[in-house]
PDB file of N, CA and C in Angstrom:
ATOM      1  N   MET A   1      -8.496  26.843 -47.261  1.00  0.00           N
ATOM      2  CA  MET A   1      -7.792  27.412 -46.150  1.00  0.00           C
ATOM      3  C   MET A   1      -8.583  27.303 -44.857  1.00  0.00           C
ATOM      4  N   ALA A   2      -9.823  27.008 -44.938  1.00  0.00           N
ATOM      5  CA  ALA A   2     -10.638  26.858 -43.746  1.00  0.00           C
ATOM      6  C   ALA A   2     -10.171  25.660 -42.923  1.00  0.00           C
ATOM      7  N   ASN A   3      -9.629  24.657 -43.592  1.00  0.00           N
ATOM      8  CA  ASN A   3      -9.149  23.471 -42.886  1.00  0.00           C
ATOM      9  C   ASN A   3      -7.941  23.793 -42.011  1.00  0.00           C
ATOM     10  N   ARG A   4      -7.084  24.679 -42.482  1.00  0.00           N
ATOM     11  CA  ARG A   4      -5.888  25.013 -41.709  1.00  0.00           C
ATOM     12  C   ARG A   4      -6.251  25.702 -40.393  1.00  0.00           C
ATOM     13  N   THR A   5      -7.243  26.543 -40.401  1.00  0.00           N
ATOM     14  CA  THR A   5      -7.616  27.207 -39.157  1.00  0.00           C
ATOM     15  C   THR A   5      -8.194  26.210 -38.173  1.00  0.00           C
ATOM     16  N   LYS A   6      -8.912  25.212 -38.697  1.00  0.00           N
ATOM     17  CA  LYS A   6      -9.462  24.186 -37.810  1.00  0.00           C
ATOM     18  C   LYS A   6      -8.326  23.394 -37.154  1.00  0.00           C
ATOM     19  N   VAL A   7      -7.327  23.040 -37.946  1.00  0.00           N
ATOM     20  CA  VAL A   7      -6.182  22.302 -37.421  1.00  0.00           C
ATOM     21  C   VAL A   7      -5.439  23.163 -36.406  1.00  0.00           C
ATOM     22  N   THR A   8      -5.273  24.436 -36.718  1.00  0.00           N
ATOM     23  CA  THR A   8      -4.583  25.349 -35.807  1.00  0.00           C
ATOM     24  C   THR A   8      -5.331  25.472 -34.489  1.00  0.00           C
ATOM     25  N   GLN A   9      -6.627  25.555 -34.569  1.00  0.00           N
ATOM     26  CA  GLN A   9      -7.435  25.657 -33.344  1.00  0.00           C
ATOM     27  C   GLN A   9      -7.342  24.375 -32.524  1.00  0.00           C
ATOM     28  N   GLN A  10      -7.339  23.239 -33.198  1.00  0.00           N
ATOM     29  CA  GLN A  10      -7.223  21.966 -32.480  1.00  0.00           C
ATOM     30  C   GLN A  10      -5.853  21.845 -31.804  1.00  0.00           C
ATOM     31  N   LYS A  11      -4.822  22.270 -32.550  1.00  0.00           N
ATOM     32  CA  LYS A  11      -3.475  22.209 -31.980  1.00  0.00           C
ATOM     33  C   LYS A  11      -3.368  23.124 -30.765  1.00  0.00           C
ATOM     34  N   ARG A  12      -3.926  24.315 -30.878  1.00  0.00           N
ATOM     35  CA  ARG A  12      -3.893  25.252 -29.754  1.00  0.00           C
ATOM     36  C   ARG A  12      -4.643  24.685 -28.553  1.00  0.00           C
ATOM     37  N   ALA A  13      -5.771  24.015 -28.800  1.00  0.00           N
ATOM     38  CA  ALA A  13      -6.536  23.404 -27.713  1.00  0.00           C
ATOM     39  C   ALA A  13      -5.720  22.293 -27.047  1.00  0.00           C
ATOM     40  N   ARG A  14      -5.007  21.492 -27.846  1.00  0.00           N
ATOM     41  CA  ARG A  14      -4.151  20.434 -27.280  1.00  0.00           C
ATOM     42  C   ARG A  14      -3.024  21.035 -26.447  1.00  0.00           C
ATOM     43  N   GLU A  15      -2.413  22.090 -26.971  1.00  0.00           N
ATOM     44  CA  GLU A  15      -1.335  22.735 -26.233  1.00  0.00           C
ATOM     45  C   GLU A  15      -1.833  23.335 -24.928  1.00  0.00           C
ATOM     46  N   ARG A  16      -2.999  23.940 -24.957  1.00  0.00           N
ATOM     47  CA  ARG A  16      -3.573  24.522 -23.741  1.00  0.00           C
ATOM     48  C   ARG A  16      -3.880  23.427 -22.722  1.00  0.00           C
ATOM     49  N   ALA A  17      -4.427  22.297 -23.189  1.00  0.00           N
ATOM     50  CA  ALA A  17      -4.721  21.187 -22.286  1.00  0.00           C
ATOM     51  C   ALA A  17      -3.425  20.637 -21.686  1.00  0.00           C
ATOM     52  N   LYS A  18      -2.372  20.568 -22.494  1.00  0.00           N
ATOM     53  CA  LYS A  18      -1.082  20.079 -22.006  1.00  0.00           C
ATOM     54  C   LYS A  18      -0.532  21.019 -20.933  1.00  0.00           C
ATOM     55  N   GLN A  19      -0.635  22.315 -21.158  1.00  0.00           N
ATOM     56  CA  GLN A  19      -0.171  23.290 -20.166  1.00  0.00           C
ATOM     57  C   GLN A  19      -0.963  23.168 -18.867  1.00  0.00           C
ATOM     58  N   GLU A  20      -2.253  22.970 -18.974  1.00  0.00           N
ATOM     59  CA  GLU A  20      -3.082  22.822 -17.776  1.00  0.00           C
ATOM     60  C   GLU A  20      -2.706  21.570 -16.999  1.00  0.00           C
ATOM     61  N   ARG A  21      -2.432  20.471 -17.714  1.00  0.00           N
ATOM     62  CA  ARG A  21      -2.007  19.242 -17.041  1.00  0.00           C
ATOM     63  C   ARG A  21      -0.672  19.453 -16.330  1.00  0.00           C
ATOM     64  N   GLN A  22       0.266  20.154 -16.981  1.00  0.00           N
ATOM     65  CA  GLN A  22       1.555  20.443 -16.364  1.00  0.00           C
ATOM     66  C   GLN A  22       1.378  21.274 -15.104  1.00  0.00           C
ATOM     67  N   GLN A  23       0.519  22.284 -15.164  1.00  0.00           N
ATOM     68  CA  GLN A  23       0.278  23.121 -14.001  1.00  0.00           C
ATOM     69  C   GLN A  23      -0.349  22.321 -12.865  1.00  0.00           C
ATOM     70  N   GLU A  24      -1.244  21.409 -13.208  1.00  0.00           N
ATOM     71  CA  GLU A  24      -1.880  20.558 -12.196  1.00  0.00           C
ATOM     72  C   GLU A  24      -0.841  19.644 -11.536  1.00  0.00           C
ATOM     73  N   LYS A  25       0.048  19.078 -12.348  1.00  0.00           N
ATOM     74  CA  LYS A  25       1.103  18.223 -11.801  1.00  0.00           C
ATOM     75  C   LYS A  25       2.021  19.017 -10.874  1.00  0.00           C
ATOM     76  N   THR A  26       2.376  20.213 -11.291  1.00  0.00           N
ATOM     77  CA  THR A  26       3.243  21.058 -10.469  1.00  0.00           C
ATOM     78  C   THR A  26       2.566  21.391  -9.147  1.00  0.00           C
ATOM     79  N   ARG A  27       1.286  21.709  -9.208  1.00  0.00           N
ATOM     80  CA  ARG A  27       0.536  22.022  -7.992  1.00  0.00           C
ATOM     81  C   ARG A  27       0.485  20.808  -7.054  1.00  0.00           C
ATOM     82  N   ARG A  28       0.240  19.619  -7.606  1.00  0.00           N
ATOM     83  CA  ARG A  28       0.189  18.413  -6.770  1.00  0.00           C
ATOM     84  C   ARG A  28       1.543  18.103  -6.159  1.00  0.00           C
ATOM     85  N   ARG A  29       2.623  18.309  -6.933  1.00  0.00           N
ATOM     86  CA  ARG A  29       3.963  18.074  -6.389  1.00  0.00           C
ATOM     87  C   ARG A  29       4.252  19.010  -5.224  1.00  0.00           C
ATOM     88  N   GLU A  30       3.873  20.275  -5.375  1.00  0.00           N
ATOM     89  CA  GLU A  30       4.088  21.238  -4.301  1.00  0.00           C
ATOM     90  C   GLU A  30       3.278  20.867  -3.055  1.00  0.00           C
ATOM     91  N   GLU A  31       2.035  20.441  -3.255  1.00  0.00           N
ATOM     92  CA  GLU A  31       1.200  20.027  -2.121  1.00  0.00           C
ATOM     93  C   GLU A  31       1.817  18.828  -1.406  1.00  0.00           C
ATOM     94  N   ALA A  32       2.317  17.868  -2.191  1.00  0.00           N
ATOM     95  CA  ALA A  32       2.919  16.678  -1.593  1.00  0.00           C
ATOM     96  C   ALA A  32       4.185  17.054  -0.817  1.00  0.00           C
ATOM     97  N   LYS A  33       4.955  17.990  -1.351  1.00  0.00           N
ATOM     98  CA  LYS A  33       6.175  18.424  -0.677  1.00  0.00           C
ATOM     99  C   LYS A  33       5.844  19.081   0.658  1.00  0.00           C
ATOM    100  N   VAL A  34       4.816  19.923   0.671  1.00  0.00           N
ATOM    101  CA  VAL A  34       4.409  20.593   1.910  1.00  0.00           C
ATOM    102  C   VAL A  34       3.858  19.576   2.901  1.00  0.00           C
ATOM    103  N   ARG A  35       3.058  18.628   2.414  1.00  0.00           N
ATOM    104  CA  ARG A  35       2.467  17.614   3.281  1.00  0.00           C
ATOM    105  C   ARG A  35       3.557  16.748   3.921  1.00  0.00           C
ATOM    106  N   LYS A  36       4.560  16.356   3.133  1.00  0.00           N
ATOM    107  CA  LYS A  36       5.641  15.539   3.681  1.00  0.00           C
ATOM    108  C   LYS A  36       6.470  16.321   4.687  1.00  0.00           C
ATOM    109  N   ALA A  37       6.649  17.612   4.429  1.00  0.00           N
ATOM    110  CA  ALA A  37       7.434  18.437   5.351  1.00  0.00           C
ATOM    111  C   ALA A  37       6.706  18.601   6.685  1.00  0.00           C
ATOM    112  N   ASN A  38       5.381  18.649   6.667  1.00  0.00           N
ATOM    113  CA  ASN A  38       4.600  18.839   7.890  1.00  0.00           C
ATOM    114  C   ASN A  38       4.279  17.527   8.594  1.00  0.00           C
ATOM    115  N   GLU A  39       4.497  16.419   7.944  1.00  0.00           N
ATOM    116  CA  GLU A  39       4.172  15.108   8.508  1.00  0.00           C
ATOM    117  C   GLU A  39       5.196  14.749   9.587  1.00  0.00           C
ATOM    118  N   PRO A  40       4.729  14.287  10.749  1.00  0.00           N
ATOM    119  CA  PRO A  40       5.688  13.907  11.801  1.00  0.00           C
ATOM    120  C   PRO A  40       6.470  12.663  11.374  1.00  0.00           C
ATOM    121  N   HIS A  41       7.747  12.668  11.708  1.00  0.00           N
ATOM    122  CA  HIS A  41       8.597  11.537  11.362  1.00  0.00           C
ATOM    123  C   HIS A  41       8.378  10.398  12.353  1.00  0.00           C
ATOM    124  N   GLN A  42       8.621   9.172  11.893  1.00  0.00           N
ATOM    125  CA  GLN A  42       8.464   8.017  12.768  1.00  0.00           C
ATOM    126  C   GLN A  42       9.595   8.005  13.788  1.00  0.00           C
ATOM    127  N   ALA A  43       9.252   7.637  15.005  1.00  0.00           N
ATOM    128  CA  ALA A  43      10.247   7.567  16.063  1.00  0.00           C
ATOM    129  C   ALA A  43      11.215   6.426  15.787  1.00  0.00           C
ATOM    130  N   GLY A  44      12.486   6.694  15.858  1.00  0.00           N
ATOM    131  CA  GLY A  44      13.484   5.658  15.664  1.00  0.00           C
ATOM    132  C   GLY A  44      13.783   5.366  14.219  1.00  0.00           C
ATOM    133  N   GLY A  45      12.972   5.829  13.306  1.00  0.00           N
ATOM    134  CA  GLY A  45      13.211   5.603  11.898  1.00  0.00           C
ATOM    135  C   GLY A  45      13.143   4.140  11.507  1.00  0.00           C
ATOM    136  N   GLU A  46      12.399   3.357  12.242  1.00  0.00           N
ATOM    137  CA  GLU A  46      12.322   1.923  11.967  1.00  0.00           C
ATOM    138  C   GLU A  46      11.186   1.638  10.990  1.00  0.00           C
ATOM    139  N   ASP A  47      11.460   0.784  10.033  1.00  0.00           N
ATOM    140  CA  ASP A  47      10.462   0.398   9.049  1.00  0.00           C
ATOM    141  C   ASP A  47       9.397  -0.458   9.730  1.00  0.00           C
ATOM    142  N   PRO A  48       8.111  -0.076   9.651  1.00  0.00           N
ATOM    143  CA  PRO A  48       7.080  -0.842  10.353  1.00  0.00           C
ATOM    144  C   PRO A  48       6.906  -2.263   9.822  1.00  0.00           C
ATOM    145  N   ASP A  49       7.336  -2.508   8.581  1.00  0.00           N
ATOM    146  CA  ASP A  49       7.199  -3.855   8.028  1.00  0.00           C
ATOM    147  C   ASP A  49       8.169  -4.845   8.671  1.00  0.00           C
ATOM    148  N   ILE A  50       9.305  -4.349   9.116  1.00  0.00           N
ATOM    149  CA  ILE A  50      10.295  -5.251   9.690  1.00  0.00           C
ATOM    150  C   ILE A  50      10.549  -4.958  11.165  1.00  0.00           C
ATOM    151  N   ALA A  51       9.646  -4.241  11.798  1.00  0.00           N
ATOM    152  CA  ALA A  51       9.809  -3.902  13.213  1.00  0.00           C
ATOM    153  C   ALA A  51       9.752  -5.179  14.050  1.00  0.00           C
ATOM    154  N   GLY A  52      10.666  -5.304  14.964  1.00  0.00           N
ATOM    155  CA  GLY A  52      10.666  -6.440  15.879  1.00  0.00           C
ATOM    156  C   GLY A  52      11.410  -7.657  15.378  1.00  0.00           C
ATOM    157  N   ILE A  53      11.927  -7.626  14.181  1.00  0.00           N
ATOM    158  CA  ILE A  53      12.683  -8.759  13.666  1.00  0.00           C
ATOM    159  C   ILE A  53      14.132  -8.594  14.106  1.00  0.00           C
ATOM    160  N   VAL A  54      14.681  -9.652  14.674  1.00  0.00           N
ATOM    161  CA  VAL A  54      16.064  -9.612  15.130  1.00  0.00           C
ATOM    162  C   VAL A  54      16.923 -10.406  14.156  1.00  0.00           C
ATOM    163  N   PRO A  55      18.177  -9.994  13.967  1.00  0.00           N
ATOM    164  CA  PRO A  55      19.056 -10.751  13.076  1.00  0.00           C
ATOM    165  C   PRO A  55      19.361 -12.122  13.656  1.00  0.00           C
ATOM    166  N   GLY A  56      19.635 -13.053  12.785  1.00  0.00           N
ATOM    167  CA  GLY A  56      19.996 -14.394  13.217  1.00  0.00           C
ATOM    168  C   GLY A  56      18.871 -15.383  12.964  1.00  0.00           C
ATOM    169  N   PRO A  57      19.033 -16.584  13.475  1.00  0.00           N
ATOM    170  CA  PRO A  57      18.015 -17.614  13.254  1.00  0.00           C
ATOM    171  C   PRO A  57      16.678 -17.192  13.856  1.00  0.00           C
ATOM    172  N   GLN A  58      15.642 -17.429  13.122  1.00  0.00           N
ATOM    173  CA  GLN A  58      14.299 -17.068  13.567  1.00  0.00           C
ATOM    174  C   GLN A  58      13.579 -18.320  14.079  1.00  0.00           C
ATOM    175  N   PRO A  59      12.693 -18.157  15.047  1.00  0.00           N
ATOM    176  CA  PRO A  59      11.916 -19.323  15.499  1.00  0.00           C
ATOM    177  C   PRO A  59      11.006 -19.794  14.373  1.00  0.00           C
ATOM    178  N   ARG A  60      10.784 -21.070  14.340  1.00  0.00           N
ATOM    179  CA  ARG A  60       9.925 -21.623  13.288  1.00  0.00           C
ATOM    180  C   ARG A  60       8.472 -21.261  13.550  1.00  0.00           C
ATOM    181  N   PRO A  61       7.789 -20.787  12.525  1.00  0.00           N
ATOM    182  CA  PRO A  61       6.393 -20.397  12.720  1.00  0.00           C
ATOM    183  C   PRO A  61       5.441 -21.596  12.757  1.00  0.00           C
ATOM    184  N   TRP A  62       5.932 -22.778  12.444  1.00  0.00           N
ATOM    185  CA  TRP A  62       5.096 -23.972  12.474  1.00  0.00           C
ATOM    186  C   TRP A  62       5.750 -25.008  13.389  1.00  0.00           C
ATOM    187  N   ASP A  63       5.003 -26.035  13.708  1.00  0.00           N
ATOM    188  CA  ASP A  63       5.489 -27.045  14.644  1.00  0.00           C
ATOM    189  C   ASP A  63       6.037 -28.230  13.855  1.00  0.00           C
ATOM    190  N   ASP A  64       7.367 -28.403  13.866  1.00  0.00           N
ATOM    191  CA  ASP A  64       8.003 -29.499  13.145  1.00  0.00           C
ATOM    192  C   ASP A  64       8.458 -30.619  14.090  1.00  0.00           C
ATOM    193  N   ASP A  65       7.836 -30.711  15.255  1.00  0.00           N
ATOM    194  CA  ASP A  65       8.233 -31.746  16.198  1.00  0.00           C
ATOM    195  C   ASP A  65       8.029 -33.137  15.610  1.00  0.00           C
ATOM    196  N   ASP A  66       6.981 -33.301  14.802  1.00  0.00           N
ATOM    197  CA  ASP A  66       6.718 -34.608  14.199  1.00  0.00           C
ATOM    198  C   ASP A  66       7.860 -35.013  13.274  1.00  0.00           C
ATOM    199  N   LEU A  67       8.393 -34.081  12.513  1.00  0.00           N
ATOM    200  CA  LEU A  67       9.494 -34.400  11.601  1.00  0.00           C
ATOM    201  C   LEU A  67      10.767 -34.738  12.366  1.00  0.00           C
ATOM    202  N   GLU A  68      11.024 -34.060  13.473  1.00  0.00           N
ATOM    203  CA  GLU A  68      12.207 -34.347  14.259  1.00  0.00           C
ATOM    204  C   GLU A  68      12.096 -35.748  14.900  1.00  0.00           C
ATOM    205  N   ASN A  69      10.901 -36.123  15.341  1.00  0.00           N
ATOM    206  CA  ASN A  69      10.721 -37.441  15.948  1.00  0.00           C
ATOM    207  C   ASN A  69      10.938 -38.545  14.916  1.00  0.00           C
ATOM    208  N   VAL A  70      10.511 -38.315  13.684  1.00  0.00           N
ATOM    209  CA  VAL A  70      10.681 -39.323  12.641  1.00  0.00           C
ATOM    210  C   VAL A  70      12.156 -39.501  12.329  1.00  0.00           C
ATOM    211  N   SER A  71      12.900 -38.400  12.229  1.00  0.00           N
ATOM    212  CA  SER A  71      14.328 -38.522  11.919  1.00  0.00           C
ATOM    213  C   SER A  71      15.088 -39.161  13.088  1.00  0.00           C
ATOM    214  N   ASP A  72      14.653 -38.931  14.333  1.00  0.00           N
ATOM    215  CA  ASP A  72      15.299 -39.552  15.484  1.00  0.00           C
ATOM    216  C   ASP A  72      15.088 -41.068  15.476  1.00  0.00           C
ATOM    217  N   GLU A  73      13.900 -41.502  15.068  1.00  0.00           N
ATOM    218  CA  GLU A  73      13.588 -42.936  15.047  1.00  0.00           C
ATOM    219  C   GLU A  73      14.378 -43.644  13.950  1.00  0.00           C
ATOM    220  N   GLU A  74      14.637 -42.937  12.824  1.00  0.00           N
ATOM    221  CA  GLU A  74      15.388 -43.543  11.731  1.00  0.00           C
ATOM    222  C   GLU A  74      16.852 -43.708  12.114  1.00  0.00           C
ATOM    223  N   ASP A  75      17.371 -42.826  12.947  1.00  0.00           N
ATOM    224  CA  ASP A  75      18.763 -42.912  13.355  1.00  0.00           C
ATOM    225  C   ASP A  75      19.017 -44.108  14.261  1.00  0.00           C
ATOM    226  N   LYS A  76      18.029 -44.570  14.969  1.00  0.00           N
ATOM    227  CA  LYS A  76      18.193 -45.655  15.951  1.00  0.00           C
ATOM    228  C   LYS A  76      18.249 -46.979  15.291  1.00  0.00           C
TER     229      LYS A  76
END
């Protein structure tokens, strides 16, 4: 019967550790909620990753003038 008490104690220790982890998670969630509530919102609500991008055709980021000259010469 000594083995059963050891198992019971181990189970109780696991349950206590699980409860502590749950309490820690709850505390962190509450802190995050308060932090987000106090954080100033971005002006305009615009996503900084896509700020300044306009809809429609975009200018080419590289210089393709050489390719256009080659296709013009082939047409002649």
